[in-house]
Amino acid sequence: MPLMDCFQLAQKLLQKDLNVRVCFMTSGEINMDAAREVHPLKSIGCFIKKPITTELLLRRIKAKLE
């Protein structure tokens, strides 16, 4: 995304709807505690590491929506 990063996009979505839940996908290693410290978004549901199968992706998303 050339104009903003994923955290900025999540912030904009939250400005429109506070009930939005966000799962970030990355191919790199992420320290979730550090990411939440830098970007204190309460709705960060999860970080999903790629590559991931479709089946596992669906299970992770369904689990976060429950």
C-alpha atoms as a PDB file:
ATOM      1  CA  MET A   1       0.000   0.000   0.000  1.00  0.00           C
ATOM      2  CA  PRO A   2       1.862   3.065  -1.179  1.00  0.00           C
ATOM      3  CA  LEU A   3       0.006   5.695   0.893  1.00  0.00           C
ATOM      4  CA  MET A   4      -0.193   4.032   4.324  1.00  0.00           C
ATOM      5  CA  ASP A   5       0.925   0.970   6.227  1.00  0.00           C
ATOM      6  CA  CYS A   6      -1.372  -1.698   7.635  1.00  0.00           C
ATOM      7  CA  PHE A   7      -1.448  -0.103  11.092  1.00  0.00           C
ATOM      8  CA  GLN A   8      -2.562   3.245   9.631  1.00  0.00           C
ATOM      9  CA  LEU A   9      -5.265   1.452   7.647  1.00  0.00           C
ATOM     10  CA  ALA A  10      -6.462  -0.296  10.810  1.00  0.00           C
ATOM     11  CA  GLN A  11      -6.639   3.060  12.611  1.00  0.00           C
ATOM     12  CA  LYS A  12      -8.742   4.539   9.794  1.00  0.00           C
ATOM     13  CA  LEU A  13     -11.086   1.553   9.865  1.00  0.00           C
ATOM     14  CA  LEU A  14     -11.485   1.943  13.634  1.00  0.00           C
ATOM     15  CA  GLN A  15     -12.387   5.606  13.190  1.00  0.00           C
ATOM     16  CA  LYS A  16     -15.358   4.455  11.120  1.00  0.00           C
ATOM     17  CA  ASP A  17     -16.352   1.448  13.241  1.00  0.00           C
ATOM     18  CA  LEU A  18     -15.003   0.657  16.703  1.00  0.00           C
ATOM     19  CA  ASN A  19     -16.170  -2.967  16.413  1.00  0.00           C
ATOM     20  CA  VAL A  20     -13.770  -3.848  13.589  1.00  0.00           C
ATOM     21  CA  ARG A  21     -11.363  -6.685  14.390  1.00  0.00           C
ATOM     22  CA  VAL A  22      -8.077  -6.895  12.543  1.00  0.00           C
ATOM     23  CA  CYS A  23      -5.776  -9.796  11.753  1.00  0.00           C
ATOM     24  CA  PHE A  24      -2.471  -8.902  10.171  1.00  0.00           C
ATOM     25  CA  MET A  25      -0.672 -11.254   7.792  1.00  0.00           C
ATOM     26  CA  THR A  26       3.093 -11.195   7.436  1.00  0.00           C
ATOM     27  CA  SER A  27       5.875 -13.284   6.013  1.00  0.00           C
ATOM     28  CA  GLY A  28       8.329 -12.009   8.628  1.00  0.00           C
ATOM     29  CA  GLU A  29       8.698 -12.516  12.343  1.00  0.00           C
ATOM     30  CA  ILE A  30       6.556 -10.195  14.467  1.00  0.00           C
ATOM     31  CA  ASN A  31       6.886  -9.463  18.163  1.00  0.00           C
ATOM     32  CA  MET A  32       3.205  -8.868  18.989  1.00  0.00           C
ATOM     33  CA  ASP A  33       3.932  -7.145  22.300  1.00  0.00           C
ATOM     34  CA  ALA A  34       6.313  -4.689  20.626  1.00  0.00           C
ATOM     35  CA  ALA A  35       3.871  -4.090  17.762  1.00  0.00           C
ATOM     36  CA  ARG A  36       1.055  -3.331  20.203  1.00  0.00           C
ATOM     37  CA  GLU A  37       3.354  -0.995  22.131  1.00  0.00           C
ATOM     38  CA  VAL A  38       4.176   0.997  18.990  1.00  0.00           C
ATOM     39  CA  HIS A  39       0.637   0.752  17.573  1.00  0.00           C
ATOM     40  CA  PRO A  40      -1.741   0.475  20.540  1.00  0.00           C
ATOM     41  CA  LEU A  41      -4.727  -0.807  18.582  1.00  0.00           C
ATOM     42  CA  LYS A  42      -7.035  -2.728  20.867  1.00  0.00           C
ATOM     43  CA  SER A  43      -8.629  -4.533  17.940  1.00  0.00           C
ATOM     44  CA  ILE A  44      -5.487  -6.303  16.717  1.00  0.00           C
ATOM     45  CA  GLY A  45      -6.940  -9.764  16.787  1.00  0.00           C
ATOM     46  CA  CYS A  46      -3.930 -11.688  15.604  1.00  0.00           C
ATOM     47  CA  PHE A  47      -0.854 -11.854  13.474  1.00  0.00           C
ATOM     48  CA  ILE A  48      -0.884 -14.659  10.930  1.00  0.00           C
ATOM     49  CA  LYS A  49       2.457 -15.842   9.567  1.00  0.00           C
ATOM     50  CA  LYS A  50       2.683 -16.715   5.870  1.00  0.00           C
ATOM     51  CA  PRO A  51       2.793 -19.119   4.207  1.00  0.00           C
ATOM     52  CA  ILE A  52      -0.449 -20.564   5.503  1.00  0.00           C
ATOM     53  CA  THR A  53      -2.916 -23.023   4.056  1.00  0.00           C
ATOM     54  CA  THR A  54      -6.433 -21.875   3.263  1.00  0.00           C
ATOM     55  CA  GLU A  55      -7.826 -24.348   5.780  1.00  0.00           C
ATOM     56  CA  LEU A  56      -5.629 -23.082   8.612  1.00  0.00           C
ATOM     57  CA  LEU A  57      -6.341 -19.461   7.677  1.00  0.00           C
ATOM     58  CA  LEU A  58     -10.070 -20.064   7.879  1.00  0.00           C
ATOM     59  CA  ARG A  59      -9.713 -21.799  11.262  1.00  0.00           C
ATOM     60  CA  ARG A  60      -7.659 -18.898  12.669  1.00  0.00           C
ATOM     61  CA  ILE A  61     -10.153 -16.292  11.460  1.00  0.00           C
ATOM     62  CA  LYS A  62     -13.172 -18.253  12.696  1.00  0.00           C
ATOM     63  CA  ALA A  63     -11.509 -18.642  16.106  1.00  0.00           C
ATOM     64  CA  LYS A  64     -10.991 -14.871  16.355  1.00  0.00           C
ATOM     65  CA  LEU A  65     -14.597 -14.151  15.399  1.00  0.00           C
ATOM     66  CA  GLU A  66     -16.074 -16.364  18.152  1.00  0.00           C
END
